[in-house]
Amino acid sequence: MRAHNGGGPATLARVAQALGRVLVVDDDEVIRQLIAVNLTLEGFDVATAVDGQDCLDKVTAIGPDVITLDIMMPRLDGWVTAMELRKNPETSHVKVVLITARAQEDDRMRGHQIGVDAYLTKPFDPAEMIRIVRELAGAPPSAFG
């Protein structure tokens, strides 16, 4: 973690705009906040959703560049959510990172078949998550990572 030194809201807004917007989807509040805080500190504009249905309800209004998506969630799991995102012409271009405790090869294959852009297994290294999101958002590599 690095401290944010000065610059004020205008600078922060400019940085966030430059890096992009991320929608963090996880039913576990602790993990959701961990991901959101790490990405916010990195300079992303972050929104959150509590499950797949919440994600689909919000995604068009938020217009994220990248979605981090848990798989095991109530109402609508990450698999169905990712498929719905890919089917919808308004969201089919959004980069999707599955973040899950399910590390089996068949889960990775399923993610690949759906067309997700990256797959991270829990517990994950926040620096690795940031690197993947930066890459997918088209942001330059972090000077600190």
N, C-alpha and C. Protein backbone atom coordinates (compact mmCIF):
# COMPACT_ATOMS: atom_id res chain seq x y z
N MET A 1 0.84 -1.19 0.00
CA MET A 1 0.00 0.00 0.00
C MET A 1 0.88 1.25 0.00
N ARG A 2 0.48 2.22 -0.76
CA ARG A 2 1.20 3.48 -0.73
C ARG A 2 0.23 4.57 -0.33
N ALA A 3 0.74 5.59 0.33
CA ALA A 3 -0.11 6.69 0.78
C ALA A 3 -0.39 7.61 -0.40
N HIS A 4 -1.58 8.19 -0.39
CA HIS A 4 -1.93 9.19 -1.40
C HIS A 4 -1.52 10.54 -0.86
N ASN A 5 -0.61 11.19 -1.55
CA ASN A 5 -0.10 12.47 -1.07
C ASN A 5 -0.65 13.62 -1.89
N GLY A 6 -1.55 14.37 -1.31
CA GLY A 6 -2.05 15.61 -1.93
C GLY A 6 -2.69 15.39 -3.28
N GLY A 7 -2.78 16.47 -4.04
CA GLY A 7 -3.35 16.37 -5.36
C GLY A 7 -4.81 16.73 -5.39
N GLY A 8 -5.53 16.46 -4.32
CA GLY A 8 -6.93 16.84 -4.23
C GLY A 8 -7.83 16.03 -5.14
N PRO A 9 -9.14 16.26 -5.04
CA PRO A 9 -10.13 15.50 -5.79
C PRO A 9 -9.99 15.62 -7.31
N ALA A 10 -9.62 16.78 -7.81
CA ALA A 10 -9.53 16.96 -9.26
C ALA A 10 -8.46 16.03 -9.84
N THR A 11 -7.33 15.94 -9.18
CA THR A 11 -6.25 15.07 -9.64
C THR A 11 -6.71 13.61 -9.58
N LEU A 12 -7.33 13.24 -8.48
CA LEU A 12 -7.81 11.88 -8.30
C LEU A 12 -8.82 11.52 -9.38
N ALA A 13 -9.72 12.44 -9.69
CA ALA A 13 -10.73 12.18 -10.72
C ALA A 13 -10.07 11.98 -12.08
N ARG A 14 -9.06 12.79 -12.37
CA ARG A 14 -8.35 12.66 -13.64
C ARG A 14 -7.67 11.30 -13.74
N VAL A 15 -7.04 10.88 -12.66
CA VAL A 15 -6.36 9.58 -12.64
C VAL A 15 -7.37 8.46 -12.84
N ALA A 16 -8.48 8.52 -12.10
CA ALA A 16 -9.49 7.47 -12.20
C ALA A 16 -10.02 7.38 -13.62
N GLN A 17 -10.24 8.53 -14.24
CA GLN A 17 -10.73 8.54 -15.60
C GLN A 17 -9.73 7.88 -16.53
N ALA A 18 -8.45 8.14 -16.29
CA ALA A 18 -7.42 7.61 -17.15
C ALA A 18 -7.31 6.09 -17.02
N LEU A 19 -7.47 5.56 -15.81
CA LEU A 19 -7.31 4.12 -15.62
C LEU A 19 -8.57 3.34 -15.99
N GLY A 20 -9.73 3.90 -15.73
CA GLY A 20 -10.96 3.20 -16.08
C GLY A 20 -11.82 2.88 -14.88
N ARG A 21 -12.94 2.26 -15.18
CA ARG A 21 -13.97 1.96 -14.17
C ARG A 21 -14.08 0.45 -14.01
N VAL A 22 -14.16 0.02 -12.75
CA VAL A 22 -14.26 -1.40 -12.44
C VAL A 22 -15.51 -1.66 -11.61
N LEU A 23 -16.25 -2.70 -11.96
CA LEU A 23 -17.39 -3.15 -11.17
C LEU A 23 -16.96 -4.41 -10.43
N VAL A 24 -16.96 -4.35 -9.09
CA VAL A 24 -16.54 -5.46 -8.25
C VAL A 24 -17.78 -6.20 -7.77
N VAL A 25 -17.89 -7.49 -8.12
CA VAL A 25 -19.07 -8.27 -7.78
C VAL A 25 -18.68 -9.45 -6.89
N ASP A 26 -19.14 -9.41 -5.63
CA ASP A 26 -18.86 -10.51 -4.68
C ASP A 26 -19.89 -10.42 -3.57
N ASP A 27 -20.43 -11.57 -3.16
CA ASP A 27 -21.43 -11.57 -2.08
C ASP A 27 -20.77 -11.47 -0.71
N ASP A 28 -19.46 -11.67 -0.62
CA ASP A 28 -18.74 -11.56 0.65
C ASP A 28 -18.27 -10.11 0.79
N GLU A 29 -18.84 -9.41 1.77
CA GLU A 29 -18.55 -7.98 1.92
C GLU A 29 -17.07 -7.70 2.16
N VAL A 30 -16.40 -8.56 2.93
CA VAL A 30 -14.98 -8.36 3.23
C VAL A 30 -14.15 -8.43 1.95
N ILE A 31 -14.40 -9.44 1.14
CA ILE A 31 -13.64 -9.60 -0.11
C ILE A 31 -14.00 -8.47 -1.08
N ARG A 32 -15.28 -8.14 -1.16
CA ARG A 32 -15.72 -7.05 -2.04
C ARG A 32 -14.99 -5.75 -1.69
N GLN A 33 -14.93 -5.45 -0.38
CA GLN A 33 -14.26 -4.22 0.06
C GLN A 33 -12.75 -4.29 -0.16
N LEU A 34 -12.15 -5.46 0.07
CA LEU A 34 -10.71 -5.63 -0.15
C LEU A 34 -10.36 -5.31 -1.60
N ILE A 35 -11.12 -5.88 -2.53
CA ILE A 35 -10.86 -5.65 -3.96
C ILE A 35 -11.11 -4.18 -4.30
N ALA A 36 -12.22 -3.64 -3.82
CA ALA A 36 -12.59 -2.25 -4.13
C ALA A 36 -11.55 -1.27 -3.61
N VAL A 37 -11.09 -1.47 -2.37
CA VAL A 37 -10.10 -0.56 -1.78
C VAL A 37 -8.79 -0.62 -2.55
N ASN A 38 -8.33 -1.83 -2.86
CA ASN A 38 -7.08 -1.97 -3.61
C ASN A 38 -7.15 -1.28 -4.97
N LEU A 39 -8.27 -1.45 -5.67
CA LEU A 39 -8.41 -0.83 -6.99
C LEU A 39 -8.57 0.69 -6.89
N THR A 40 -9.27 1.15 -5.86
CA THR A 40 -9.45 2.59 -5.66
C THR A 40 -8.10 3.25 -5.37
N LEU A 41 -7.30 2.61 -4.50
CA LEU A 41 -5.97 3.15 -4.19
C LEU A 41 -5.09 3.18 -5.43
N GLU A 42 -5.30 2.23 -6.32
CA GLU A 42 -4.52 2.17 -7.55
C GLU A 42 -4.93 3.27 -8.52
N GLY A 43 -6.14 3.82 -8.33
CA GLY A 43 -6.58 4.93 -9.18
C GLY A 43 -7.76 4.62 -10.07
N PHE A 44 -8.41 3.46 -9.84
CA PHE A 44 -9.60 3.13 -10.63
C PHE A 44 -10.85 3.75 -10.00
N ASP A 45 -11.85 3.98 -10.83
CA ASP A 45 -13.18 4.38 -10.39
C ASP A 45 -13.91 3.06 -10.12
N VAL A 46 -14.30 2.79 -8.87
CA VAL A 46 -14.84 1.48 -8.50
C VAL A 46 -16.29 1.57 -8.05
N ALA A 47 -17.10 0.65 -8.59
CA ALA A 47 -18.48 0.46 -8.13
C ALA A 47 -18.57 -0.99 -7.67
N THR A 48 -19.58 -1.30 -6.83
CA THR A 48 -19.71 -2.67 -6.34
C THR A 48 -21.12 -3.20 -6.55
N ALA A 49 -21.21 -4.52 -6.59
CA ALA A 49 -22.50 -5.22 -6.65
C ALA A 49 -22.40 -6.44 -5.75
N VAL A 50 -23.54 -6.83 -5.12
CA VAL A 50 -23.51 -7.88 -4.11
C VAL A 50 -23.72 -9.29 -4.67
N ASP A 51 -24.17 -9.40 -5.91
CA ASP A 51 -24.31 -10.71 -6.55
C ASP A 51 -24.52 -10.50 -8.05
N GLY A 52 -24.68 -11.61 -8.77
CA GLY A 52 -24.80 -11.53 -10.22
C GLY A 52 -26.00 -10.72 -10.69
N GLN A 53 -27.13 -10.87 -10.01
CA GLN A 53 -28.33 -10.13 -10.41
C GLN A 53 -28.10 -8.63 -10.22
N ASP A 54 -27.50 -8.27 -9.09
CA ASP A 54 -27.19 -6.87 -8.80
C ASP A 54 -26.24 -6.32 -9.88
N CYS A 55 -25.28 -7.13 -10.29
CA CYS A 55 -24.35 -6.75 -11.35
C CYS A 55 -25.10 -6.45 -12.65
N LEU A 56 -25.97 -7.36 -13.06
CA LEU A 56 -26.71 -7.18 -14.31
C LEU A 56 -27.65 -5.98 -14.23
N ASP A 57 -28.21 -5.73 -13.04
CA ASP A 57 -29.10 -4.58 -12.85
C ASP A 57 -28.35 -3.25 -12.99
N LYS A 58 -27.08 -3.23 -12.59
CA LYS A 58 -26.31 -1.98 -12.53
C LYS A 58 -25.37 -1.76 -13.71
N VAL A 59 -24.98 -2.82 -14.41
CA VAL A 59 -23.85 -2.75 -15.33
C VAL A 59 -24.00 -1.70 -16.43
N THR A 60 -25.18 -1.56 -17.00
CA THR A 60 -25.35 -0.59 -18.10
C THR A 60 -25.20 0.83 -17.60
N ALA A 61 -25.74 1.12 -16.42
CA ALA A 61 -25.64 2.48 -15.86
C ALA A 61 -24.19 2.80 -15.45
N ILE A 62 -23.46 1.80 -14.95
CA ILE A 62 -22.09 2.02 -14.48
C ILE A 62 -21.12 2.11 -15.66
N GLY A 63 -21.31 1.27 -16.67
CA GLY A 63 -20.43 1.28 -17.83
C GLY A 63 -18.99 0.94 -17.50
N PRO A 64 -18.75 -0.20 -16.83
CA PRO A 64 -17.37 -0.52 -16.44
C PRO A 64 -16.51 -0.97 -17.63
N ASP A 65 -15.19 -0.80 -17.47
CA ASP A 65 -14.24 -1.34 -18.43
C ASP A 65 -13.93 -2.79 -18.08
N VAL A 66 -13.93 -3.07 -16.76
CA VAL A 66 -13.60 -4.40 -16.25
C VAL A 66 -14.58 -4.75 -15.13
N ILE A 67 -14.97 -6.04 -15.08
CA ILE A 67 -15.79 -6.55 -13.97
C ILE A 67 -15.01 -7.67 -13.30
N THR A 68 -14.84 -7.57 -11.95
CA THR A 68 -14.30 -8.72 -11.21
C THR A 68 -15.52 -9.46 -10.68
N LEU A 69 -15.56 -10.75 -10.91
CA LEU A 69 -16.79 -11.51 -10.69
C LEU A 69 -16.51 -12.78 -9.90
N ASP A 70 -17.13 -12.87 -8.71
CA ASP A 70 -17.07 -14.09 -7.92
C ASP A 70 -17.95 -15.12 -8.60
N ILE A 71 -17.66 -16.41 -8.40
CA ILE A 71 -18.50 -17.45 -9.01
C ILE A 71 -19.62 -17.89 -8.07
N MET A 72 -19.26 -18.23 -6.83
CA MET A 72 -20.24 -18.78 -5.90
C MET A 72 -21.00 -17.65 -5.19
N MET A 73 -22.20 -17.32 -5.72
CA MET A 73 -23.02 -16.25 -5.14
C MET A 73 -24.49 -16.67 -5.17
N PRO A 74 -25.28 -16.11 -4.24
CA PRO A 74 -26.73 -16.39 -4.27
C PRO A 74 -27.40 -15.67 -5.44
N ARG A 75 -28.66 -15.99 -5.66
CA ARG A 75 -29.49 -15.42 -6.73
C ARG A 75 -28.97 -15.77 -8.12
N LEU A 76 -27.81 -15.21 -8.49
CA LEU A 76 -27.25 -15.48 -9.82
C LEU A 76 -25.76 -15.65 -9.65
N ASP A 77 -25.24 -16.85 -9.99
CA ASP A 77 -23.81 -17.08 -9.79
C ASP A 77 -22.98 -16.44 -10.89
N GLY A 78 -21.67 -16.51 -10.74
CA GLY A 78 -20.76 -15.88 -11.68
C GLY A 78 -20.80 -16.47 -13.08
N TRP A 79 -21.06 -17.79 -13.17
CA TRP A 79 -21.13 -18.43 -14.50
C TRP A 79 -22.27 -17.82 -15.32
N VAL A 80 -23.46 -17.81 -14.73
CA VAL A 80 -24.64 -17.31 -15.44
C VAL A 80 -24.47 -15.81 -15.72
N THR A 81 -23.94 -15.08 -14.75
CA THR A 81 -23.72 -13.65 -14.93
C THR A 81 -22.78 -13.38 -16.09
N ALA A 82 -21.66 -14.12 -16.14
CA ALA A 82 -20.69 -13.95 -17.24
C ALA A 82 -21.34 -14.26 -18.59
N MET A 83 -22.16 -15.32 -18.64
CA MET A 83 -22.85 -15.67 -19.90
C MET A 83 -23.81 -14.57 -20.33
N GLU A 84 -24.54 -14.03 -19.35
CA GLU A 84 -25.49 -12.94 -19.66
C GLU A 84 -24.74 -11.70 -20.15
N LEU A 85 -23.62 -11.38 -19.53
CA LEU A 85 -22.82 -10.23 -19.95
C LEU A 85 -22.33 -10.41 -21.38
N ARG A 86 -21.92 -11.63 -21.73
CA ARG A 86 -21.41 -11.91 -23.08
C ARG A 86 -22.54 -11.89 -24.13
N LYS A 87 -23.74 -12.29 -23.74
CA LYS A 87 -24.88 -12.33 -24.68
C LYS A 87 -25.42 -10.94 -25.01
N ASN A 88 -25.29 -9.99 -24.08
CA ASN A 88 -25.87 -8.66 -24.25
C ASN A 88 -24.91 -7.78 -25.06
N PRO A 89 -25.36 -7.26 -26.22
CA PRO A 89 -24.48 -6.42 -27.04
C PRO A 89 -23.95 -5.19 -26.30
N GLU A 90 -24.68 -4.71 -25.29
CA GLU A 90 -24.23 -3.54 -24.54
C GLU A 90 -23.10 -3.86 -23.57
N THR A 91 -22.94 -5.14 -23.21
CA THR A 91 -21.92 -5.50 -22.22
C THR A 91 -20.94 -6.55 -22.74
N SER A 92 -21.11 -7.02 -23.95
CA SER A 92 -20.28 -8.12 -24.45
C SER A 92 -18.79 -7.75 -24.55
N HIS A 93 -18.49 -6.45 -24.65
CA HIS A 93 -17.10 -5.99 -24.78
C HIS A 93 -16.40 -5.83 -23.43
N VAL A 94 -17.16 -5.83 -22.33
CA VAL A 94 -16.59 -5.57 -21.00
C VAL A 94 -15.67 -6.74 -20.62
N LYS A 95 -14.48 -6.41 -20.13
CA LYS A 95 -13.53 -7.44 -19.70
C LYS A 95 -14.01 -8.04 -18.38
N VAL A 96 -13.94 -9.37 -18.27
CA VAL A 96 -14.42 -10.06 -17.07
C VAL A 96 -13.29 -10.88 -16.45
N VAL A 97 -13.07 -10.66 -15.14
CA VAL A 97 -12.11 -11.45 -14.37
C VAL A 97 -12.90 -12.29 -13.37
N LEU A 98 -12.86 -13.60 -13.51
CA LEU A 98 -13.49 -14.46 -12.51
C LEU A 98 -12.54 -14.58 -11.32
N ILE A 99 -13.05 -14.34 -10.12
CA ILE A 99 -12.26 -14.48 -8.90
C ILE A 99 -12.98 -15.50 -8.03
N THR A 100 -12.34 -16.66 -7.81
CA THR A 100 -13.06 -17.75 -7.17
C THR A 100 -12.16 -18.70 -6.41
N ALA A 101 -12.74 -19.40 -5.46
CA ALA A 101 -12.03 -20.46 -4.75
C ALA A 101 -12.00 -21.74 -5.58
N ARG A 102 -12.78 -21.78 -6.67
CA ARG A 102 -12.85 -22.98 -7.52
C ARG A 102 -11.67 -22.98 -8.49
N ALA A 103 -10.68 -23.82 -8.19
CA ALA A 103 -9.43 -23.79 -8.96
C ALA A 103 -9.28 -25.00 -9.90
N GLN A 104 -10.31 -25.84 -10.01
CA GLN A 104 -10.19 -27.03 -10.84
C GLN A 104 -10.05 -26.64 -12.32
N GLU A 105 -9.37 -27.51 -13.06
CA GLU A 105 -9.14 -27.26 -14.48
C GLU A 105 -10.45 -27.14 -15.27
N ASP A 106 -11.47 -27.97 -14.91
CA ASP A 106 -12.73 -27.87 -15.65
C ASP A 106 -13.43 -26.53 -15.42
N ASP A 107 -13.20 -25.92 -14.24
CA ASP A 107 -13.75 -24.58 -13.99
C ASP A 107 -13.06 -23.56 -14.88
N ARG A 108 -11.75 -23.68 -15.02
CA ARG A 108 -10.99 -22.77 -15.89
C ARG A 108 -11.46 -22.93 -17.34
N MET A 109 -11.66 -24.18 -17.75
CA MET A 109 -12.13 -24.44 -19.13
C MET A 109 -13.51 -23.82 -19.36
N ARG A 110 -14.37 -23.98 -18.36
CA ARG A 110 -15.72 -23.40 -18.47
C ARG A 110 -15.64 -21.89 -18.63
N GLY A 111 -14.77 -21.25 -17.83
CA GLY A 111 -14.57 -19.81 -17.93
C GLY A 111 -14.07 -19.43 -19.32
N HIS A 112 -13.14 -20.21 -19.84
CA HIS A 112 -12.60 -19.96 -21.18
C HIS A 112 -13.69 -20.07 -22.24
N GLN A 113 -14.54 -21.11 -22.11
CA GLN A 113 -15.64 -21.32 -23.08
C GLN A 113 -16.64 -20.17 -23.04
N ILE A 114 -16.91 -19.64 -21.86
CA ILE A 114 -17.84 -18.51 -21.73
C ILE A 114 -17.22 -17.26 -22.34
N GLY A 115 -15.89 -17.18 -22.30
CA GLY A 115 -15.21 -16.03 -22.87
C GLY A 115 -14.76 -15.01 -21.84
N VAL A 116 -14.50 -15.49 -20.59
CA VAL A 116 -13.96 -14.55 -19.60
C VAL A 116 -12.52 -14.24 -19.98
N ASP A 117 -12.04 -13.09 -19.52
CA ASP A 117 -10.72 -12.61 -19.93
C ASP A 117 -9.59 -13.05 -19.00
N ALA A 118 -9.92 -13.34 -17.75
CA ALA A 118 -8.90 -13.78 -16.79
C ALA A 118 -9.56 -14.56 -15.67
N TYR A 119 -8.75 -15.33 -14.97
CA TYR A 119 -9.25 -16.23 -13.92
C TYR A 119 -8.27 -16.15 -12.75
N LEU A 120 -8.74 -15.71 -11.59
CA LEU A 120 -7.91 -15.61 -10.39
C LEU A 120 -8.49 -16.50 -9.31
N THR A 121 -7.64 -17.27 -8.64
CA THR A 121 -8.17 -18.13 -7.58
C THR A 121 -7.91 -17.51 -6.21
N LYS A 122 -8.90 -17.68 -5.32
CA LYS A 122 -8.78 -17.22 -3.93
C LYS A 122 -8.01 -18.28 -3.14
N PRO A 123 -7.16 -17.90 -2.19
CA PRO A 123 -6.82 -16.51 -1.88
C PRO A 123 -5.90 -15.97 -2.98
N PHE A 124 -6.11 -14.72 -3.36
CA PHE A 124 -5.32 -14.14 -4.44
C PHE A 124 -4.40 -13.05 -3.89
N ASP A 125 -3.35 -12.78 -4.64
CA ASP A 125 -2.41 -11.72 -4.31
C ASP A 125 -2.99 -10.42 -4.85
N PRO A 126 -3.27 -9.43 -3.99
CA PRO A 126 -3.85 -8.17 -4.48
C PRO A 126 -3.01 -7.53 -5.60
N ALA A 127 -1.69 -7.65 -5.53
CA ALA A 127 -0.84 -7.06 -6.58
C ALA A 127 -1.10 -7.74 -7.92
N GLU A 128 -1.31 -9.05 -7.91
CA GLU A 128 -1.60 -9.79 -9.14
C GLU A 128 -2.97 -9.37 -9.69
N MET A 129 -3.95 -9.23 -8.79
CA MET A 129 -5.29 -8.79 -9.21
C MET A 129 -5.21 -7.41 -9.86
N ILE A 130 -4.46 -6.50 -9.25
CA ILE A 130 -4.32 -5.15 -9.79
C ILE A 130 -3.64 -5.20 -11.16
N ARG A 131 -2.59 -6.03 -11.28
CA ARG A 131 -1.88 -6.15 -12.56
C ARG A 131 -2.83 -6.62 -13.67
N ILE A 132 -3.64 -7.62 -13.37
CA ILE A 132 -4.58 -8.16 -14.36
C ILE A 132 -5.62 -7.11 -14.74
N VAL A 133 -6.20 -6.42 -13.75
CA VAL A 133 -7.22 -5.41 -14.04
C VAL A 133 -6.62 -4.26 -14.85
N ARG A 134 -5.42 -3.82 -14.48
CA ARG A 134 -4.76 -2.74 -15.25
C ARG A 134 -4.58 -3.16 -16.70
N GLU A 135 -4.10 -4.39 -16.89
CA GLU A 135 -3.85 -4.90 -18.23
C GLU A 135 -5.15 -4.94 -19.04
N LEU A 136 -6.20 -5.47 -18.44
CA LEU A 136 -7.49 -5.58 -19.15
C LEU A 136 -8.12 -4.21 -19.43
N ALA A 137 -7.88 -3.25 -18.53
CA ALA A 137 -8.45 -1.91 -18.71
C ALA A 137 -7.63 -1.08 -19.71
N GLY A 138 -6.48 -1.64 -20.12
CA GLY A 138 -5.63 -0.91 -21.05
C GLY A 138 -4.84 0.19 -20.38
N ALA A 139 -4.70 0.10 -19.04
CA ALA A 139 -3.93 1.10 -18.30
C ALA A 139 -2.45 0.72 -18.38
N PRO A 140 -1.57 1.70 -18.33
CA PRO A 140 -0.14 1.38 -18.35
C PRO A 140 0.23 0.60 -17.09
N PRO A 141 1.27 -0.23 -17.16
CA PRO A 141 1.70 -0.98 -15.96
C PRO A 141 2.01 -0.02 -14.81
N SER A 142 1.72 -0.45 -13.60
CA SER A 142 1.95 0.38 -12.44
C SER A 142 3.45 0.58 -12.22
N ALA A 143 3.82 1.80 -11.90
CA ALA A 143 5.21 2.11 -11.61
C ALA A 143 5.62 1.44 -10.29
N PHE A 144 4.64 1.06 -9.48
CA PHE A 144 4.91 0.50 -8.17
C PHE A 144 4.82 -1.02 -8.17
N GLY A 145 4.38 -1.63 -9.28
CA GLY A 145 4.16 -3.07 -9.26
C GLY A 145 5.12 -3.76 -10.17
